[in-house]
Protein backbone atom coordinates (compact mmCIF):
# COMPACT_ATOMS: atom_id res chain seq x y z
CA MET A 1 30.00 18.62 1.60
CA ALA A 2 28.17 21.63 2.98
CA ILE A 3 24.59 22.09 4.08
CA ARG A 4 23.73 25.62 3.22
CA PRO A 5 20.95 27.80 4.30
CA PRO A 6 18.52 28.49 1.54
CA ARG A 7 19.86 30.95 -0.92
CA PRO A 8 18.60 32.00 -4.47
CA VAL A 9 20.11 30.86 -7.32
CA ALA A 10 23.66 -7.94 -20.06
CA ALA A 11 20.67 -8.55 -19.34
CA ILE A 12 20.06 -12.20 -18.39
CA LEU A 13 17.41 -14.01 -16.49
CA LEU A 14 16.79 -13.42 -12.83
CA VAL A 15 17.62 -14.12 -10.05
CA SER A 16 19.20 -14.97 -6.70
CA LEU A 17 17.08 -14.43 -3.64
CA ALA A 18 18.48 -13.27 -0.37
CA SER A 19 18.54 -15.51 2.68
CA CYS A 20 15.21 -14.05 3.94
CA GLY A 21 13.68 -16.45 1.47
CA GLY A 22 11.27 -16.30 -1.38
CA SER A 23 10.82 -17.72 -4.79
CA SER A 24 11.27 -16.28 -8.23
CA ASN A 25 9.32 -16.35 -11.56
CA SER A 26 11.52 -15.39 -14.34
CA GLY A 27 9.16 -16.00 -17.24
CA SER A 28 8.76 -13.10 -19.72
CA SER A 29 5.45 -11.61 -20.63
CA THR A 30 3.80 -12.97 -23.78
CA PRO A 31 3.16 -10.61 -26.71
CA ILE A 32 -0.26 -10.46 -28.31
CA PRO A 33 -0.99 -8.89 -31.65
CA PRO A 34 -1.04 -5.12 -31.32
CA GLY A 35 -4.03 -2.91 -31.71
CA PRO A 36 -5.29 0.65 -30.61
CA VAL A 37 -6.61 1.36 -27.22
CA GLY A 38 -8.15 4.81 -26.87
CA GLY A 39 -7.12 5.65 -30.25
CA ILE A 40 -3.37 5.07 -29.44
CA PRO A 41 -1.48 2.13 -30.99
CA THR A 42 -1.01 -0.43 -28.29
CA GLU A 43 1.26 -3.56 -28.04
CA ARG A 44 -0.44 -6.24 -25.97
CA PHE A 45 1.10 -8.58 -23.47
CA THR A 46 0.12 -11.28 -21.08
CA ALA A 47 1.93 -11.91 -17.78
CA THR A 48 2.50 -15.36 -16.49
CA ASP A 49 -0.64 -15.19 -14.25
CA GLY A 50 -2.84 -14.31 -17.26
CA THR A 51 -2.95 -10.62 -16.60
CA ARG A 52 -3.32 -8.86 -19.91
CA PHE A 53 -1.98 -5.38 -20.38
CA GLY A 54 -0.88 -2.98 -23.19
CA VAL A 55 1.95 -0.71 -23.77
CA GLN A 56 1.58 2.66 -25.51
CA VAL A 57 4.44 4.91 -26.75
CA LEU A 58 3.46 8.41 -25.80
CA LEU A 59 6.61 10.32 -26.52
CA THR A 60 9.63 9.75 -28.61
CA GLY A 61 12.99 11.51 -29.05
CA LEU A 62 13.58 12.33 -25.44
CA GLN A 63 17.18 12.81 -24.16
CA ILE A 64 18.05 10.34 -21.36
CA PRO A 65 14.97 10.96 -19.13
CA TRP A 66 15.65 10.18 -15.48
CA ALA A 67 12.80 10.85 -13.21
CA LEU A 68 8.88 11.19 -13.67
CA ALA A 69 6.59 13.04 -11.38
CA PHE A 70 2.89 13.81 -11.87
CA THR A 71 1.01 16.80 -10.58
CA SER A 72 -2.56 16.51 -9.20
CA ASP A 73 -3.91 18.06 -12.40
CA GLY A 74 -2.47 15.45 -14.48
CA ARG A 75 0.78 17.14 -15.84
CA LEU A 76 3.88 15.03 -15.96
CA PHE A 77 7.30 16.63 -15.12
CA LEU A 78 10.31 14.71 -16.27
CA THR A 79 13.99 15.39 -16.20
CA GLU A 80 16.41 14.98 -19.11
CA ARG A 81 19.87 14.24 -17.95
CA PRO A 82 21.75 16.78 -20.13
CA GLY A 83 20.14 19.54 -18.19
CA ARG A 84 16.35 20.11 -18.78
CA VAL A 85 13.05 19.67 -16.89
CA ARG A 86 10.18 19.11 -19.38
CA VAL A 87 6.37 19.04 -19.07
CA TYR A 88 4.04 16.57 -20.71
CA THR A 89 0.35 17.96 -20.63
CA ASN A 90 -2.81 17.20 -22.64
CA GLY A 91 -0.99 14.57 -24.68
CA GLN A 92 1.84 16.83 -25.75
CA LEU A 93 5.47 17.52 -24.68
CA LEU A 94 5.74 21.29 -24.30
CA THR A 95 8.48 22.67 -26.57
CA GLU A 96 10.04 25.03 -24.21
CA PRO A 97 11.62 23.35 -21.14
CA ALA A 98 10.29 24.18 -17.77
CA LEU A 99 13.87 24.62 -16.68
CA ALA A 100 17.31 24.46 -18.55
CA LEU A 101 20.37 24.50 -16.33
CA THR A 102 23.76 25.53 -17.71
CA ASP A 103 26.04 24.45 -14.83
CA VAL A 104 25.27 20.69 -15.16
CA TYR A 105 28.17 18.28 -15.15
CA THR A 106 27.09 15.58 -17.62
CA ASN A 107 30.04 13.06 -17.88
CA GLY A 108 29.18 9.38 -17.33
CA GLU A 109 26.08 8.84 -15.11
CA SER A 110 25.86 12.41 -14.18
CA GLY A 111 23.40 15.34 -14.95
CA ILE A 112 19.98 16.25 -13.82
CA LEU A 113 18.61 13.29 -11.88
CA GLY A 114 15.80 13.07 -9.38
CA LEU A 115 12.83 15.25 -9.09
CA ALA A 116 9.89 15.42 -6.59
CA LEU A 117 6.84 17.56 -6.26
CA HIS A 118 5.86 18.87 -2.80
CA PRO A 119 2.89 17.03 -1.28
CA ASP A 120 1.03 20.53 -1.29
CA PHE A 121 2.21 21.31 -4.93
CA ALA A 122 -1.37 22.07 -5.90
CA THR A 123 -1.06 25.18 -3.65
CA ASN A 124 2.53 26.00 -3.20
CA HIS A 125 3.91 24.72 -6.57
CA LEU A 126 7.22 23.73 -5.05
CA VAL A 127 9.53 21.35 -7.10
CA TYR A 128 12.63 19.70 -5.78
CA LEU A 129 15.52 18.71 -8.08
CA SER A 130 18.81 16.82 -7.64
CA TYR A 131 21.66 17.21 -10.19
CA THR A 132 25.37 16.97 -10.64
CA ALA A 133 26.85 20.54 -10.92
CA ASN A 134 30.20 21.87 -12.19
CA GLY A 135 31.81 22.93 -8.88
CA PRO A 136 34.85 25.11 -8.57
CA SER A 137 37.04 22.02 -8.00
CA GLY A 138 35.02 19.42 -9.99
CA PRO A 139 31.64 17.86 -10.01
CA VAL A 140 29.37 18.17 -6.93
CA GLY A 141 25.85 16.89 -5.95
CA ARG A 142 23.42 19.63 -5.48
CA LEU A 143 19.71 19.70 -4.25
CA MET A 144 17.58 22.64 -5.21
CA ARG A 145 14.03 23.86 -4.71
CA PHE A 146 12.11 25.79 -7.36
CA ARG A 147 8.59 27.30 -7.70
CA GLU A 148 6.41 26.37 -10.67
CA ALA A 149 4.36 29.02 -12.54
CA GLY A 150 2.90 28.56 -15.98
CA ASN A 151 4.95 25.41 -16.71
CA LYS A 152 8.22 27.23 -15.82
CA LEU A 153 10.47 26.71 -12.76
CA ALA A 154 11.89 29.72 -11.09
CA GLU A 155 12.93 31.07 -7.71
CA GLY A 156 15.76 28.47 -7.36
CA ILE A 157 17.05 27.89 -3.81
CA VAL A 158 19.97 25.72 -2.92
CA LEU A 159 19.02 23.39 -0.20
CA LEU A 160 22.20 21.15 -0.33
CA ASP A 161 25.49 21.55 -2.02
CA GLU A 162 28.94 20.06 -2.40
CA VAL A 163 27.97 16.36 -1.98
CA GLY A 164 30.65 14.18 -3.41
CA ALA A 165 30.12 13.29 -7.11
CA SER A 166 31.84 11.65 -10.06
CA GLY A 167 31.22 10.20 -13.38
CA ILE A 168 29.53 7.20 -11.69
CA HIS A 169 27.38 6.28 -8.59
CA ASN A 170 25.74 9.69 -8.04
CA GLY A 171 22.30 8.22 -7.09
CA SER A 172 20.10 10.33 -6.90
CA ARG A 173 16.41 9.68 -6.41
CA VAL A 174 14.20 12.36 -4.77
CA LYS A 175 10.89 11.54 -3.25
CA PHE A 176 8.49 12.75 -0.62
CA GLY A 177 7.31 10.02 1.71
CA PRO A 178 4.00 9.55 3.38
CA ASP A 179 5.38 11.38 6.45
CA ARG A 180 5.66 14.33 4.14
CA LEU A 181 9.45 14.50 4.57
CA LEU A 182 11.82 14.65 1.60
CA TYR A 183 14.13 11.62 0.91
CA VAL A 184 17.19 11.80 -1.26
CA THR A 185 19.62 9.09 -2.17
CA TYR A 186 23.29 9.51 -3.00
CA GLY A 187 25.70 6.84 -4.24
CA ASP A 188 29.16 6.34 -3.09
CA ALA A 189 30.52 8.46 -6.05
CA ALA A 190 33.16 5.69 -6.82
CA ASN A 191 34.52 5.95 -3.13
CA PRO A 192 33.25 2.76 -1.48
CA SER A 193 34.47 3.41 2.02
CA VAL A 194 32.60 6.64 2.38
CA ALA A 195 29.28 4.62 2.53
CA GLN A 196 30.31 3.56 6.15
CA ASP A 197 31.29 7.12 7.27
CA VAL A 198 28.22 8.48 8.87
CA ALA A 199 29.68 12.04 8.80
CA ALA A 200 29.57 11.96 5.01
CA LEU A 201 26.52 12.22 2.74
CA ASN A 202 27.59 9.84 0.08
CA GLY A 203 26.31 6.18 0.10
CA LYS A 204 23.34 7.28 2.04
CA ILE A 205 19.61 7.86 2.04
CA LEU A 206 19.05 11.33 3.44
CA ARG A 207 15.89 12.69 5.04
CA PHE A 208 15.00 16.43 5.22
CA ASN A 209 12.13 18.65 6.04
CA ASP A 210 10.69 20.45 3.10
CA ASP A 211 12.83 23.52 3.74
CA GLY A 212 16.12 21.46 3.38
CA THR A 213 16.83 21.20 7.13
CA SER A 214 17.54 17.74 8.78
CA ALA A 215 14.41 16.01 9.80
CA SER A 216 13.99 15.32 13.48
CA GLY A 217 14.52 11.62 14.37
CA ASN A 218 17.41 11.08 12.12
CA ARG A 219 19.78 8.93 14.13
CA PHE A 220 22.91 10.97 13.65
CA SER A 221 21.26 14.44 14.11
CA SER A 222 22.17 15.06 10.50
CA PRO A 223 20.36 14.45 7.21
CA VAL A 224 21.62 10.77 7.20
CA PHE A 225 18.70 8.47 7.44
CA THR A 226 20.47 5.17 6.57
CA PHE A 227 24.04 4.36 5.34
CA GLY A 228 26.09 1.57 3.78
CA HIS A 229 24.52 2.08 0.27
CA ARG A 230 26.44 1.79 -3.07
CA ASN A 231 24.23 3.38 -5.59
CA PRO A 232 20.60 3.62 -4.60
CA GLN A 233 18.37 4.72 -7.42
CA GLY A 234 14.79 3.75 -6.36
CA LEU A 235 12.51 4.68 -3.48
CA ALA A 236 8.81 3.47 -3.00
CA TRP A 237 6.52 3.24 0.07
CA HIS A 238 4.27 0.28 0.38
CA PRO A 239 0.62 1.58 0.17
CA THR A 240 -0.56 -0.51 3.09
CA THR A 241 2.28 -0.67 5.57
CA GLY A 242 4.00 2.61 4.75
CA ASP A 243 7.38 0.63 4.52
CA LEU A 244 9.98 2.14 2.45
CA TRP A 245 11.38 -0.13 -0.20
CA GLU A 246 14.63 0.75 -2.01
CA THR A 247 16.52 -0.43 -5.06
CA GLU A 248 20.40 -0.42 -5.33
CA HIS A 249 23.14 -1.36 -7.78
CA GLY A 250 25.63 -3.99 -6.55
CA GLN A 251 29.27 -4.33 -7.53
CA VAL A 252 29.26 -7.34 -9.83
CA GLY A 253 25.79 -8.54 -9.66
CA ASN A 254 24.26 -8.40 -6.12
CA ASP A 255 21.84 -5.82 -7.05
CA GLU A 256 19.51 -5.25 -4.16
CA ILE A 257 15.86 -4.62 -3.10
CA ASN A 258 15.82 -3.55 0.45
CA VAL A 259 13.27 -2.60 3.14
CA ILE A 260 14.56 0.66 4.76
CA ASP A 261 14.35 1.21 8.52
CA GLY A 262 15.83 4.53 9.77
CA GLY A 263 19.24 4.46 11.37
CA ASN A 264 20.28 1.04 9.95
CA ASN A 265 23.46 0.12 8.11
CA TYR A 266 22.79 -1.67 4.75
CA GLY A 267 26.35 -3.07 4.53
CA TRP A 268 28.18 -1.74 1.55
CA PRO A 269 31.19 -2.23 1.03
CA VAL A 270 31.45 -4.77 3.89
CA ILE A 271 28.61 -7.03 2.65
CA GLU A 272 26.39 -7.42 -0.27
CA GLY A 273 24.22 -10.14 -1.75
CA ASP A 274 23.71 -13.04 0.63
CA ALA A 275 26.59 -12.16 2.95
CA THR A 276 25.75 -11.29 6.43
CA HIS A 277 27.45 -9.24 9.30
CA PRO A 278 26.35 -8.18 12.80
CA ASP A 279 24.36 -4.91 12.71
CA MET A 280 24.19 -4.84 8.95
CA ILE A 281 20.87 -5.39 7.11
CA ALA A 282 20.69 -7.99 4.26
CA PRO A 283 18.54 -7.32 1.22
CA ARG A 284 15.06 -8.71 0.77
CA THR A 285 16.13 -10.13 -2.59
CA PHE A 286 19.06 -9.68 -4.77
CA PHE A 287 19.95 -10.11 -8.51
CA THR A 288 23.04 -11.97 -10.03
CA PRO A 289 23.78 -11.46 -12.92
CA SER A 290 23.13 -7.65 -12.62
CA VAL A 291 19.91 -6.14 -13.69
CA ALA A 292 20.90 -2.51 -12.62
CA PRO A 293 17.64 -1.55 -10.80
CA SER A 294 16.64 2.01 -10.95
CA GLY A 295 13.15 3.74 -10.32
CA ALA A 296 10.71 1.91 -8.35
CA ALA A 297 6.96 2.40 -7.63
CA PHE A 298 4.11 0.48 -6.00
CA TYR A 299 1.07 0.36 -8.40
CA THR A 300 -1.79 2.08 -6.58
CA GLY A 301 -4.22 2.41 -9.47
CA ASN A 302 -7.35 0.45 -10.08
CA ALA A 303 -7.11 -0.04 -13.95
CA ILE A 304 -5.19 -3.35 -13.57
CA PRO A 305 -6.41 -5.01 -10.50
CA ALA A 306 -3.96 -7.83 -10.52
CA PHE A 307 -1.05 -5.41 -10.24
CA ARG A 308 -2.37 -3.41 -7.30
CA ASN A 309 0.05 -3.01 -4.36
CA GLN A 310 2.79 -4.82 -6.30
CA LEU A 311 6.29 -3.23 -6.67
CA PHE A 312 7.49 -2.38 -10.07
CA VAL A 313 11.22 -1.78 -10.80
CA ALA A 314 12.69 -0.35 -13.95
CA THR A 315 15.98 -2.08 -14.77
CA LEU A 316 18.85 -0.87 -17.01
CA ALA A 317 21.18 -3.73 -17.67
CA GLY A 318 18.13 -6.11 -17.22
CA GLN A 319 16.09 -4.22 -19.80
CA ALA A 320 12.87 -5.28 -18.26
CA LEU A 321 10.27 -4.03 -15.86
CA LEU A 322 10.34 -6.22 -12.77
CA ARG A 323 6.96 -7.14 -11.12
CA VAL A 324 7.69 -7.90 -7.51
CA THR A 325 4.93 -9.61 -5.47
CA ILE A 326 5.14 -9.16 -1.68
CA ASP A 327 3.50 -11.22 1.07
CA GLY A 328 3.79 -12.49 4.52
CA SER A 329 2.27 -11.30 7.66
CA ASP A 330 4.40 -8.24 7.74
CA LEU A 331 4.34 -7.78 3.94
CA ARG A 332 8.13 -7.68 3.89
CA HIS A 333 8.73 -10.91 2.07
CA VAL A 334 9.43 -11.12 -1.74
CA ALA A 335 7.36 -13.87 -2.98
CA SER A 336 8.10 -13.72 -6.59
CA VAL A 337 9.69 -11.58 -9.32
CA GLU A 338 8.52 -11.55 -12.97
CA ARG A 339 10.19 -9.98 -15.82
CA LEU A 340 7.80 -7.75 -17.97
CA LEU A 341 8.66 -6.26 -21.28
CA ASP A 342 11.86 -8.20 -21.36
CA HIS A 343 14.24 -6.66 -23.91
CA LYS A 344 11.31 -5.06 -25.74
CA TYR A 345 12.12 -1.39 -25.14
CA GLY A 346 15.64 -1.52 -24.03
CA ARG A 347 17.05 0.10 -20.78
CA LEU A 348 14.27 1.32 -18.33
CA ARG A 349 14.95 4.21 -15.89
CA ASP A 350 11.90 5.12 -13.94
CA VAL A 351 8.37 4.01 -13.27
CA VAL A 352 5.45 5.82 -11.51
CA THR A 353 1.62 5.36 -11.11
CA GLY A 354 -0.18 8.16 -12.88
CA PRO A 355 -3.34 9.89 -11.61
CA ASP A 356 -5.23 8.05 -14.39
CA GLY A 357 -4.42 4.66 -12.69
CA PHE A 358 -1.80 3.74 -15.47
CA LEU A 359 1.80 2.90 -15.04
CA TYR A 360 4.29 5.20 -16.82
CA VAL A 361 7.82 4.19 -17.75
CA CYS A 362 10.71 5.95 -19.46
CA THR A 363 13.64 4.38 -21.36
CA SER A 364 17.32 5.22 -21.03
CA ASN A 365 18.79 4.07 -24.35
CA ARG A 366 20.82 7.25 -25.18
CA ASP A 367 22.84 7.12 -21.92
CA GLY A 368 25.78 5.55 -23.64
CA ARG A 369 25.29 2.06 -22.33
CA ASN A 370 23.02 0.79 -25.27
CA THR A 371 22.51 1.25 -29.10
CA PRO A 372 19.46 3.52 -29.34
CA VAL A 373 16.75 3.12 -32.00
CA ALA A 374 15.41 6.11 -33.95
CA ASP A 375 12.57 6.69 -31.51
CA ASP A 376 14.60 6.74 -28.41
CA ASP A 377 14.23 7.77 -25.63
CA ARG A 378 10.71 6.99 -25.05
CA LEU A 379 7.82 7.57 -22.57
CA LEU A 380 5.58 4.44 -22.27
CA ARG A 381 2.27 3.97 -20.69
CA ILE A 382 0.89 0.64 -19.35
CA VAL A 383 -2.86 0.21 -19.81
CA PRO A 384 -5.41 -2.47 -19.36
CA VAL A 385 -6.58 -4.44 -22.36
CA GLN A 386 -9.20 -6.99 -23.09
């Protein structure tokens, strides 16, 4: 890898819980007869605690969407893995992409992946993008920064390049934390031992300043924030504690939800699931058989009060949206996990809270791991219903 100065350019029921404790609730949500909400057809569900919610299909025909990010003015930026960034605004998907890259490596799980907007996007219009590029000797992971104007991305600058990449386990979620620092995940790129090598960037969560330089306070005086990760695809900060929660694919089952503390070793490939080892951190909960957890978000809206401050995780193999309830004096204990939308919309890739207080979810049924229906892939919105 090289860090460069800026330059232009089978789903089954849950769950095994980790040794930290907790109970699971694996009941599926119950469908109710559909009907419109706000003029949009809405399928209605009831969660196991009686919370009623509806799902609206806002967009169809997307090409393997991977990441969702809202601007403060309500526009939604989304990545399509084959090489595009799209904009959804005023109820419509703009025909012209905000960005179309031509150097994208798209084999297997590769392509355009994570996307984040700068905390000051309203004034500086900076957008950060992680993708798998065609390098001179094969695929590489690349992190870039763009400036948005008129729903177009331009002025591309490479912040990080030549991270190991392959057809699998590339990560790569991109998020700004409440500390205004940029977090980027990279999987082990099918080379498990690299996750324990703190001189490498694969199998890691990285932390940067917004200009792509290493954040101060990183344990190894490099971008490496934590290590020992297999294929991390979800990052979310608890709205009360500020703790960073992460989702990660295990090897055969043993998919994890972790609480991330800087400098720590999360075990891969030495331990996973309920295994322990000195100086390695066990997950808060894990899932066997696999659910393949991807994007994650804490619900911070007010539209569905029963969901507030709960963690929602989009799952691929699990084909469900996990509703994770957290409790305990330090709010680091997984109390229960419920499957919502179980096998209703297929593989789910990302979930975010919108500025309107609703949850937004994208499917991933055209990624070669499922049989898509005619409308795939789709953008869904979860709304309150009576």
